[in-house]
Structures are given as C-alpha cells and as structure tokens.
Amino acid sequence: MARALLFGFAAIGATVAVVTLTPLVSVWANLYSPEWNAPRGRTLLVLGGSHLNVELPGDSTYWRGIYAVQAWQQGQFEKVLLCGRETGGPMRSLLIASGVPESAIVVEDQSTNTHENALFARRVTDRLGLPEPYLLLTSDYHMFRAQRVFEQAGLAVIPCPIPDARKRGVSYFGRWPAFLDLVAETAKIAVYQGRGWLAKSR
C-alpha cells in the first residue's frame, strides 16, 4: 500500500512538472491542427463550444466568435454558418455587434455535439445552397476531430483553427486548463473513431 501511494504521488508530481515546466501543451495542440491561416472561402462554418447560458457564450465560443469576425474582415465570405444549439444565438449577437451583416449569418441551432454539427450543417448547406468552398473554424485542439467528422458527413472543408490551447499553453496559469481540454479531446477522438464518425486521415 505504501509503495502504491508513493508511486501514485510520484506520478502526480511528474505530471505536474511536465505540464507546467515544458511545452507539452503547445506541442500536443500542434499535433491536432495546422497554424491559423489567412482565411479564404465563400462560406465560413463556425462551431460553438462552451456556453454559460442561452444568452452568454463560454470562453471557447467567445474566442471562436472573435476569430470568426476577424476571418470575415480578412476574407471575402458571402455567408457565415454558426453551429450549435446553445451557442449559435450568442455567437450571432457577437458577430452582428462586431459588424458582420445580419443578412450574411445563418444559424444551425439543433446540434449538441461535433457529430451533429456536421450532420445538421450538411443539411443547411444543401437546403440553402450555401456556396463552396467551406472554411471550418474551431479551436486548434478540436480541429483534427472536427475536420474528419465533417468529411465523413460528406462536407469537404478547409481547416481554419484558432490558436486556443496553443495560446493558453504559453502561460503557466493557462497550461493546466488547456492540458485537460487536450486529454478530453483525445478521449473523444477515440470514441468517434470507434463509432466510425471520423474520415480516414489523408
């Protein structure tokens, strides 16, 4: 029992040291996405993340919305499709307040996870004839799974990851929340792979 406890505490200490004192988080995030790039496309697909309530976005949703505004300003998009039952509305308000024309915004407010994001987004793009190419915007740690889920659903997308975990990994205080997001994302990738929801890596 004593040895087991000693081993457990040593493992915890080693994990704390590695996460806090090394660039593990940034390296891990880099494995899941390319760098933020100059956005080019005709329809911008933005995936919601966390939320506080039906009116307020959580941190990840807020930053995806902010980068969506930046992408709109830099690119020549015709439409923005916001995905997520609890997050599409708050992101819509953020984009309109930031100067994105209300007429350019479409909200998909039925999906509750990444798999449903792709399925419902495909229905919306088909029904409304939203123009290609589609640019997919989400957090860097989420991009690997999101891109492959959309491709498996038959929707070809260009990845446009925002620097989320990568940016938080620069700060000592931000590394642990980012590390936990990466752990959770890795588990979700395994689940999605097991359910056949991910297209094969190219």
C-alpha atoms as a PDB file:
ATOM      1  CA  MET A   1       0.000   0.000   0.000  1.00  0.00           C
ATOM      2  CA  ALA A   2       2.799   2.383   0.924  1.00  0.00           C
ATOM      3  CA  ARG A   3       4.610   1.657  -2.327  1.00  0.00           C
ATOM      4  CA  ALA A   4       1.449   2.189  -4.322  1.00  0.00           C
ATOM      5  CA  LEU A   5       0.840   5.541  -2.633  1.00  0.00           C
ATOM      6  CA  LEU A   6       4.450   6.568  -3.155  1.00  0.00           C
ATOM      7  CA  PHE A   7       4.262   5.612  -6.821  1.00  0.00           C
ATOM      8  CA  GLY A   8       0.985   7.491  -7.207  1.00  0.00           C
ATOM      9  CA  PHE A   9       2.334  10.692  -5.657  1.00  0.00           C
ATOM     10  CA  ALA A  10       5.493  10.431  -7.760  1.00  0.00           C
ATOM     11  CA  ALA A  11       3.417  10.057 -10.925  1.00  0.00           C
ATOM     12  CA  ILE A  12       1.287  13.062  -9.985  1.00  0.00           C
ATOM     13  CA  GLY A  13       4.385  15.122  -9.255  1.00  0.00           C
ATOM     14  CA  ALA A  14       5.989  14.131 -12.543  1.00  0.00           C
ATOM     15  CA  THR A  15       2.805  15.033 -14.457  1.00  0.00           C
ATOM     16  CA  VAL A  16       2.590  18.430 -12.745  1.00  0.00           C
ATOM     17  CA  ALA A  17       6.222  19.140 -13.572  1.00  0.00           C
ATOM     18  CA  VAL A  18       5.928  18.086 -17.218  1.00  0.00           C
ATOM     19  CA  VAL A  19       2.712  20.039 -17.862  1.00  0.00           C
ATOM     20  CA  THR A  20       3.860  23.159 -16.003  1.00  0.00           C
ATOM     21  CA  LEU A  21       7.516  23.351 -16.993  1.00  0.00           C
ATOM     22  CA  THR A  22       7.626  22.022 -20.558  1.00  0.00           C
ATOM     23  CA  PRO A  23       5.980  22.999 -23.875  1.00  0.00           C
ATOM     24  CA  LEU A  24       3.915  19.773 -23.811  1.00  0.00           C
ATOM     25  CA  VAL A  25       0.575  21.566 -24.253  1.00  0.00           C
ATOM     26  CA  SER A  26       1.726  23.571 -27.272  1.00  0.00           C
ATOM     27  CA  VAL A  27       3.339  20.537 -28.900  1.00  0.00           C
ATOM     28  CA  TRP A  28       0.209  18.456 -28.302  1.00  0.00           C
ATOM     29  CA  ALA A  29      -2.056  21.173 -29.709  1.00  0.00           C
ATOM     30  CA  ASN A  30       0.164  21.423 -32.798  1.00  0.00           C
ATOM     31  CA  LEU A  31      -0.450  17.741 -33.496  1.00  0.00           C
ATOM     32  CA  TYR A  32      -4.191  18.381 -33.801  1.00  0.00           C
ATOM     33  CA  SER A  33      -4.147  21.370 -36.129  1.00  0.00           C
ATOM     34  CA  PRO A  34      -2.185  23.493 -38.571  1.00  0.00           C
ATOM     35  CA  GLU A  35      -1.434  27.120 -37.770  1.00  0.00           C
ATOM     36  CA  TRP A  36      -4.085  29.845 -38.099  1.00  0.00           C
ATOM     37  CA  ASN A  37      -4.026  30.836 -41.748  1.00  0.00           C
ATOM     38  CA  ALA A  38      -5.276  33.661 -43.906  1.00  0.00           C
ATOM     39  CA  PRO A  39      -8.941  32.649 -44.333  1.00  0.00           C
ATOM     40  CA  ARG A  40     -10.186  32.259 -47.880  1.00  0.00           C
ATOM     41  CA  GLY A  41     -13.547  30.805 -48.825  1.00  0.00           C
ATOM     42  CA  ARG A  42     -17.141  31.712 -49.575  1.00  0.00           C
ATOM     43  CA  THR A  43     -18.933  30.189 -46.572  1.00  0.00           C
ATOM     44  CA  LEU A  44     -17.463  30.287 -43.069  1.00  0.00           C
ATOM     45  CA  LEU A  45     -18.580  27.440 -40.797  1.00  0.00           C
ATOM     46  CA  VAL A  46     -18.101  28.257 -37.105  1.00  0.00           C
ATOM     47  CA  LEU A  47     -18.540  25.605 -34.413  1.00  0.00           C
ATOM     48  CA  GLY A  48     -19.773  26.593 -30.979  1.00  0.00           C
ATOM     49  CA  GLY A  49     -18.038  25.396 -27.830  1.00  0.00           C
ATOM     50  CA  SER A  50     -18.770  26.131 -24.182  1.00  0.00           C
ATOM     51  CA  HIS A  51     -21.695  28.236 -23.008  1.00  0.00           C
ATOM     52  CA  LEU A  52     -22.782  29.952 -19.794  1.00  0.00           C
ATOM     53  CA  ASN A  53     -26.485  30.232 -20.629  1.00  0.00           C
ATOM     54  CA  VAL A  54     -28.715  30.806 -23.635  1.00  0.00           C
ATOM     55  CA  GLU A  55     -27.594  34.447 -23.833  1.00  0.00           C
ATOM     56  CA  LEU A  56     -23.886  34.260 -22.971  1.00  0.00           C
ATOM     57  CA  PRO A  57     -21.137  32.248 -24.685  1.00  0.00           C
ATOM     58  CA  GLY A  58     -18.438  30.434 -22.746  1.00  0.00           C
ATOM     59  CA  ASP A  59     -14.735  31.114 -23.282  1.00  0.00           C
ATOM     60  CA  SER A  60     -14.194  28.817 -26.255  1.00  0.00           C
ATOM     61  CA  THR A  61     -17.348  30.005 -28.027  1.00  0.00           C
ATOM     62  CA  TYR A  62     -16.467  33.644 -27.387  1.00  0.00           C
ATOM     63  CA  TRP A  63     -12.988  33.320 -28.888  1.00  0.00           C
ATOM     64  CA  ARG A  64     -14.263  31.352 -31.868  1.00  0.00           C
ATOM     65  CA  GLY A  65     -16.718  34.183 -32.444  1.00  0.00           C
ATOM     66  CA  ILE A  66     -13.977  36.812 -32.184  1.00  0.00           C
ATOM     67  CA  TYR A  67     -11.807  34.979 -34.702  1.00  0.00           C
ATOM     68  CA  ALA A  68     -14.842  34.492 -36.949  1.00  0.00           C
ATOM     69  CA  VAL A  69     -15.221  38.291 -37.058  1.00  0.00           C
ATOM     70  CA  GLN A  70     -11.530  38.595 -37.927  1.00  0.00           C
ATOM     71  CA  ALA A  71     -11.899  35.944 -40.635  1.00  0.00           C
ATOM     72  CA  TRP A  72     -14.904  37.772 -42.076  1.00  0.00           C
ATOM     73  CA  GLN A  73     -12.951  41.029 -42.184  1.00  0.00           C
ATOM     74  CA  GLN A  74      -9.909  39.407 -43.825  1.00  0.00           C
ATOM     75  CA  GLY A  75     -11.697  37.152 -46.283  1.00  0.00           C
ATOM     76  CA  GLN A  76     -14.363  37.608 -48.923  1.00  0.00           C
ATOM     77  CA  PHE A  77     -17.092  35.437 -47.472  1.00  0.00           C
ATOM     78  CA  GLU A  78     -20.689  35.539 -48.571  1.00  0.00           C
ATOM     79  CA  LYS A  79     -22.203  33.597 -45.667  1.00  0.00           C
ATOM     80  CA  VAL A  80     -21.399  32.548 -42.103  1.00  0.00           C
ATOM     81  CA  LEU A  81     -22.996  29.380 -40.719  1.00  0.00           C
ATOM     82  CA  LEU A  82     -22.964  29.215 -36.911  1.00  0.00           C
ATOM     83  CA  CYS A  83     -23.425  25.717 -35.476  1.00  0.00           C
ATOM     84  CA  GLY A  84     -24.690  24.733 -32.026  1.00  0.00           C
ATOM     85  CA  ARG A  85     -27.955  24.597 -30.100  1.00  0.00           C
ATOM     86  CA  GLU A  86     -26.749  26.642 -27.123  1.00  0.00           C
ATOM     87  CA  THR A  87     -24.064  28.681 -28.859  1.00  0.00           C
ATOM     88  CA  GLY A  88     -25.336  29.748 -32.278  1.00  0.00           C
ATOM     89  CA  GLY A  89     -27.514  32.522 -30.841  1.00  0.00           C
ATOM     90  CA  PRO A  90     -24.851  34.136 -28.625  1.00  0.00           C
ATOM     91  CA  MET A  91     -22.298  33.971 -31.454  1.00  0.00           C
ATOM     92  CA  ARG A  92     -24.809  35.573 -33.815  1.00  0.00           C
ATOM     93  CA  SER A  93     -25.224  38.522 -31.438  1.00  0.00           C
ATOM     94  CA  LEU A  94     -21.450  38.861 -31.127  1.00  0.00           C
ATOM     95  CA  LEU A  95     -20.919  38.842 -34.891  1.00  0.00           C
ATOM     96  CA  ILE A  96     -23.676  41.376 -35.571  1.00  0.00           C
ATOM     97  CA  ALA A  97     -22.327  43.672 -32.833  1.00  0.00           C
ATOM     98  CA  SER A  98     -18.901  43.410 -34.481  1.00  0.00           C
ATOM     99  CA  GLY A  99     -20.120  44.485 -37.905  1.00  0.00           C
ATOM    100  CA  VAL A 100     -20.955  41.245 -39.711  1.00  0.00           C
ATOM    101  CA  PRO A 101     -24.176  41.845 -41.704  1.00  0.00           C
ATOM    102  CA  GLU A 102     -27.180  40.104 -40.197  1.00  0.00           C
ATOM    103  CA  SER A 103     -28.246  39.005 -43.689  1.00  0.00           C
ATOM    104  CA  ALA A 104     -24.991  37.040 -44.073  1.00  0.00           C
ATOM    105  CA  ILE A 105     -25.487  34.947 -40.924  1.00  0.00           C
ATOM    106  CA  VAL A 106     -27.230  31.571 -40.818  1.00  0.00           C
ATOM    107  CA  VAL A 107     -27.727  29.768 -37.507  1.00  0.00           C
ATOM    108  CA  GLU A 108     -27.951  25.993 -37.133  1.00  0.00           C
ATOM    109  CA  ASP A 109     -29.405  25.627 -33.632  1.00  0.00           C
ATOM    110  CA  GLN A 110     -30.165  21.905 -33.343  1.00  0.00           C
ATOM    111  CA  SER A 111     -26.770  20.225 -32.906  1.00  0.00           C
ATOM    112  CA  THR A 112     -25.382  19.351 -29.474  1.00  0.00           C
ATOM    113  CA  ASN A 113     -22.008  17.813 -30.386  1.00  0.00           C
ATOM    114  CA  THR A 114     -19.452  17.752 -33.188  1.00  0.00           C
ATOM    115  CA  HIS A 115     -21.040  14.800 -34.950  1.00  0.00           C
ATOM    116  CA  GLU A 116     -24.390  16.585 -35.053  1.00  0.00           C
ATOM    117  CA  ASN A 117     -22.650  19.830 -36.087  1.00  0.00           C
ATOM    118  CA  ALA A 118     -21.553  18.093 -39.271  1.00  0.00           C
ATOM    119  CA  LEU A 119     -24.849  16.340 -39.997  1.00  0.00           C
ATOM    120  CA  PHE A 120     -27.018  19.420 -39.474  1.00  0.00           C
ATOM    121  CA  ALA A 121     -24.553  21.741 -41.219  1.00  0.00           C
ATOM    122  CA  ARG A 122     -24.690  19.457 -44.257  1.00  0.00           C
ATOM    123  CA  ARG A 123     -28.486  19.712 -44.287  1.00  0.00           C
ATOM    124  CA  VAL A 124     -28.348  23.509 -44.060  1.00  0.00           C
ATOM    125  CA  THR A 125     -25.741  23.900 -46.805  1.00  0.00           C
ATOM    126  CA  ASP A 126     -27.724  21.592 -49.090  1.00  0.00           C
ATOM    127  CA  ARG A 127     -31.088  23.217 -48.363  1.00  0.00           C
ATOM    128  CA  LEU A 128     -29.900  26.811 -48.738  1.00  0.00           C
ATOM    129  CA  GLY A 129     -27.273  26.149 -51.391  1.00  0.00           C
ATOM    130  CA  LEU A 130     -24.543  27.878 -49.399  1.00  0.00           C
ATOM    131  CA  PRO A 131     -21.577  28.429 -51.708  1.00  0.00           C
ATOM    132  CA  GLU A 132     -18.320  26.495 -51.584  1.00  0.00           C
ATOM    133  CA  PRO A 133     -15.529  26.404 -50.602  1.00  0.00           C
ATOM    134  CA  TYR A 134     -16.373  25.950 -46.927  1.00  0.00           C
ATOM    135  CA  LEU A 135     -13.917  27.166 -44.312  1.00  0.00           C
ATOM    136  CA  LEU A 136     -14.198  25.401 -40.944  1.00  0.00           C
ATOM    137  CA  LEU A 137     -13.333  27.494 -37.888  1.00  0.00           C
ATOM    138  CA  THR A 138     -12.926  25.962 -34.442  1.00  0.00           C
ATOM    139  CA  SER A 139     -10.323  25.684 -31.672  1.00  0.00           C
ATOM    140  CA  ASP A 140      -6.942  24.216 -32.554  1.00  0.00           C
ATOM    141  CA  TYR A 141      -7.303  21.194 -30.234  1.00  0.00           C
ATOM    142  CA  HIS A 142     -10.728  20.455 -31.764  1.00  0.00           C
ATOM    143  CA  MET A 143      -9.766  20.744 -35.432  1.00  0.00           C
ATOM    144  CA  PHE A 144      -8.420  17.229 -36.014  1.00  0.00           C
ATOM    145  CA  ARG A 145     -11.706  15.622 -34.967  1.00  0.00           C
ATOM    146  CA  ALA A 146     -13.970  18.314 -36.422  1.00  0.00           C
ATOM    147  CA  GLN A 147     -12.449  18.254 -39.896  1.00  0.00           C
ATOM    148  CA  ARG A 148     -12.670  14.472 -40.152  1.00  0.00           C
ATOM    149  CA  VAL A 149     -16.230  14.395 -38.832  1.00  0.00           C
ATOM    150  CA  PHE A 150     -17.316  16.895 -41.488  1.00  0.00           C
ATOM    151  CA  GLU A 151     -15.531  14.971 -44.216  1.00  0.00           C
ATOM    152  CA  GLN A 152     -17.157  11.741 -43.064  1.00  0.00           C
ATOM    153  CA  ALA A 153     -20.521  13.519 -43.324  1.00  0.00           C
ATOM    154  CA  GLY A 154     -19.713  14.389 -46.937  1.00  0.00           C
ATOM    155  CA  LEU A 155     -18.842  18.046 -46.413  1.00  0.00           C
ATOM    156  CA  ALA A 156     -15.374  18.978 -47.670  1.00  0.00           C
ATOM    157  CA  VAL A 157     -13.903  21.775 -45.534  1.00  0.00           C
ATOM    158  CA  ILE A 158     -10.743  23.858 -45.356  1.00  0.00           C
ATOM    159  CA  PRO A 159      -9.405  23.884 -41.756  1.00  0.00           C
ATOM    160  CA  CYS A 160      -9.027  27.277 -40.091  1.00  0.00           C
ATOM    161  CA  PRO A 161      -8.114  26.574 -36.440  1.00  0.00           C
ATOM    162  CA  ILE A 162      -7.905  29.396 -33.934  1.00  0.00           C
ATOM    163  CA  PRO A 163      -4.918  29.403 -31.513  1.00  0.00           C
ATOM    164  CA  ASP A 164      -6.761  28.257 -28.396  1.00  0.00           C
ATOM    165  CA  ALA A 165      -4.816  25.595 -26.464  1.00  0.00           C
ATOM    166  CA  ARG A 166      -1.671  26.715 -28.268  1.00  0.00           C
ATOM    167  CA  LYS A 167      -2.099  30.258 -26.943  1.00  0.00           C
ATOM    168  CA  ARG A 168      -3.044  29.186 -23.415  1.00  0.00           C
ATOM    169  CA  GLY A 169      -0.022  26.893 -23.351  1.00  0.00           C
ATOM    170  CA  VAL A 170       2.265  29.915 -23.384  1.00  0.00           C
ATOM    171  CA  SER A 171       1.110  30.907 -19.876  1.00  0.00           C
ATOM    172  CA  TYR A 172       1.862  28.863 -16.762  1.00  0.00           C
ATOM    173  CA  PHE A 173      -1.660  29.513 -15.484  1.00  0.00           C
ATOM    174  CA  GLY A 174      -3.252  28.556 -18.793  1.00  0.00           C
ATOM    175  CA  ARG A 175      -1.424  25.288 -19.318  1.00  0.00           C
ATOM    176  CA  TRP A 176      -3.473  23.116 -16.992  1.00  0.00           C
ATOM    177  CA  PRO A 177      -6.914  24.036 -18.376  1.00  0.00           C
ATOM    178  CA  ALA A 178      -5.533  23.555 -21.895  1.00  0.00           C
ATOM    179  CA  PHE A 179      -3.965  20.232 -20.885  1.00  0.00           C
ATOM    180  CA  LEU A 180      -7.297  18.986 -19.539  1.00  0.00           C
ATOM    181  CA  ASP A 181      -9.041  20.054 -22.760  1.00  0.00           C
ATOM    182  CA  LEU A 182      -6.472  18.074 -24.749  1.00  0.00           C
ATOM    183  CA  VAL A 183      -6.945  14.988 -22.560  1.00  0.00           C
ATOM    184  CA  ALA A 184     -10.726  15.187 -23.014  1.00  0.00           C
ATOM    185  CA  GLU A 185     -10.356  15.774 -26.764  1.00  0.00           C
ATOM    186  CA  THR A 186      -8.094  12.750 -27.146  1.00  0.00           C
ATOM    187  CA  ALA A 187     -10.703  10.584 -25.421  1.00  0.00           C
ATOM    188  CA  LYS A 188     -13.401  11.964 -27.732  1.00  0.00           C
ATOM    189  CA  ILE A 189     -11.280  11.182 -30.785  1.00  0.00           C
ATOM    190  CA  ALA A 190     -11.041   7.575 -29.611  1.00  0.00           C
ATOM    191  CA  VAL A 191     -14.824   7.383 -29.101  1.00  0.00           C
ATOM    192  CA  TYR A 192     -15.573   8.930 -32.500  1.00  0.00           C
ATOM    193  CA  GLN A 193     -13.093   6.625 -34.176  1.00  0.00           C
ATOM    194  CA  GLY A 194     -14.759   3.621 -32.563  1.00  0.00           C
ATOM    195  CA  ARG A 195     -18.180   4.749 -33.795  1.00  0.00           C
ATOM    196  CA  GLY A 196     -16.957   5.260 -37.348  1.00  0.00           C
ATOM    197  CA  TRP A 197     -17.608   9.001 -37.326  1.00  0.00           C
ATOM    198  CA  LEU A 198     -14.136  10.059 -38.493  1.00  0.00           C
ATOM    199  CA  ALA A 199     -12.935  10.058 -42.082  1.00  0.00           C
ATOM    200  CA  LYS A 200      -9.531   8.433 -42.567  1.00  0.00           C
ATOM    201  CA  SER A 201      -6.502  10.719 -42.371  1.00  0.00           C
ATOM    202  CA  ARG A 202      -5.134  11.742 -45.723  1.00  0.00           C
END
